[in-house]
Amino acid sequence: MFVQAVNEVRSEKTMSYLDPHHINRIHNAYLTFENEDTFTAVVSNNEILNDSNARLSVQLFVKQNKIEEEVFGELIERWEKSSISLKKSMNELFKTLANG
């Protein structure tokens, strides 16, 4: 069983902590021993050994949600528009301050 528990920590400054609810989630995943999207993957030894490198990387087995390219493109477009709007607003502010 692979558990992707990177999001099951509380970070404060440079330290990370496992709180009781994090520990309970990880423990319950172990007890149920089932696949859970983006959190756990139960993989057979044969499946691992079929990989010529027999890698044990969690990321190979527990898939994370990815931002689709289309969504990313929309985010970039919105960012560019807001950037233009901010630039215009700042120019108006500087003009007002210069004339005042």
Protein backbone atom coordinates (compact mmCIF):
# COMPACT_ATOMS: atom_id res chain seq x y z
CA MET A 1 0.00 0.00 0.00
CA PHE A 2 1.22 3.46 -0.95
CA VAL A 3 -0.07 6.46 1.00
CA GLN A 4 0.32 9.99 -0.36
CA ALA A 5 0.04 11.85 2.95
CA VAL A 6 1.94 14.97 1.93
CA ASN A 7 -1.24 17.02 2.47
CA GLU A 8 -1.86 15.42 5.85
CA VAL A 9 0.41 17.76 7.77
CA ARG A 10 0.09 21.16 9.36
CA SER A 11 2.91 23.51 8.44
CA GLU A 12 4.02 26.40 10.60
CA LYS A 13 7.01 28.37 9.38
CA THR A 14 9.69 25.76 8.75
CA MET A 15 8.14 22.97 10.83
CA SER A 16 5.48 20.43 9.88
CA TYR A 17 3.26 18.58 12.34
CA LEU A 18 0.99 15.55 12.26
CA ASP A 19 -2.14 16.44 14.21
CA PRO A 20 -4.46 13.75 15.60
CA HIS A 21 -6.87 14.05 12.63
CA HIS A 22 -3.96 13.57 10.21
CA ILE A 23 -2.76 10.51 12.10
CA ASN A 24 -6.32 9.10 12.20
CA ARG A 25 -6.76 9.52 8.44
CA ILE A 26 -3.47 7.75 7.69
CA HIS A 27 -4.22 5.02 10.23
CA ASN A 28 -7.74 4.46 8.88
CA ALA A 29 -6.38 4.19 5.34
CA TYR A 30 -4.01 1.50 6.54
CA LEU A 31 -6.80 -0.37 8.33
CA THR A 32 -9.21 -0.30 5.38
CA PHE A 33 -6.40 -1.20 2.96
CA GLU A 34 -8.28 0.06 -0.10
CA ASN A 35 -7.59 2.42 -2.99
CA GLU A 36 -8.65 6.00 -2.34
CA ASP A 37 -8.30 8.55 -5.14
CA THR A 38 -5.37 10.91 -4.61
CA PHE A 39 -4.56 9.33 -1.21
CA THR A 40 -3.84 5.58 -1.32
CA ALA A 41 -3.09 2.81 -3.80
CA VAL A 42 -2.92 -0.90 -3.05
CA VAL A 43 -0.42 -2.42 -5.48
CA SER A 44 0.66 -6.04 -5.87
CA ASN A 45 4.31 -7.07 -5.73
CA ASN A 46 4.02 -8.33 -9.30
CA GLU A 47 2.86 -4.93 -10.53
CA ILE A 48 5.92 -3.31 -8.94
CA LEU A 49 8.29 -5.96 -10.27
CA ASN A 50 6.87 -5.62 -13.81
CA ASP A 51 8.54 -2.20 -13.91
CA SER A 52 12.07 -2.84 -15.15
CA ASN A 53 13.41 -0.52 -12.43
CA ALA A 54 11.10 -1.81 -9.67
CA ARG A 55 10.58 1.74 -8.44
CA LEU A 56 8.71 2.38 -5.19
CA SER A 57 7.77 5.99 -5.84
CA VAL A 58 4.41 6.97 -4.34
CA GLN A 59 3.75 9.31 -7.28
CA LEU A 60 3.82 6.37 -9.71
CA PHE A 61 0.88 4.72 -8.01
CA VAL A 62 -1.14 7.40 -6.20
CA LYS A 63 -2.25 9.81 -8.89
CA GLN A 64 -2.91 13.43 -7.97
CA ASN A 65 -5.49 15.68 -9.59
CA LYS A 66 -3.90 17.82 -12.25
CA ILE A 67 -5.04 21.20 -13.49
CA GLU A 68 -6.08 20.63 -17.07
CA GLU A 69 -4.30 22.69 -19.70
CA GLU A 70 -7.53 24.45 -20.66
CA VAL A 71 -8.12 25.54 -17.09
CA PHE A 72 -4.52 26.74 -16.80
CA GLY A 73 -4.94 28.74 -20.00
CA GLU A 74 -8.04 30.39 -18.58
CA LEU A 75 -6.18 31.26 -15.38
CA ILE A 76 -3.33 32.84 -17.35
CA GLU A 77 -5.79 34.84 -19.46
CA ARG A 78 -7.56 36.15 -16.34
CA TRP A 79 -4.21 37.03 -14.76
CA GLU A 80 -3.12 38.93 -17.88
CA LYS A 81 -6.40 40.90 -17.95
CA SER A 82 -6.15 41.81 -14.28
CA SER A 83 -2.51 42.81 -14.80
CA ILE A 84 -3.52 45.23 -17.58
CA SER A 85 -6.31 46.61 -15.39
CA LEU A 86 -3.91 47.12 -12.49
CA LYS A 87 -1.38 48.88 -14.72
CA LYS A 88 -4.07 51.30 -16.00
CA SER A 89 -5.24 51.96 -12.46
CA MET A 90 -1.70 52.65 -11.24
CA ASN A 91 -1.05 55.04 -14.16
CA GLU A 92 -4.22 56.98 -13.27
CA LEU A 93 -3.15 57.13 -9.63
CA PHE A 94 0.30 58.47 -10.55
CA LYS A 95 -1.26 61.10 -12.85
CA THR A 96 -3.58 62.21 -10.04
CA LEU A 97 -0.73 62.41 -7.55
CA ALA A 98 1.47 64.32 -9.99
CA ASN A 99 -1.26 66.89 -10.67
CA GLY A 100 -2.22 67.30 -7.01
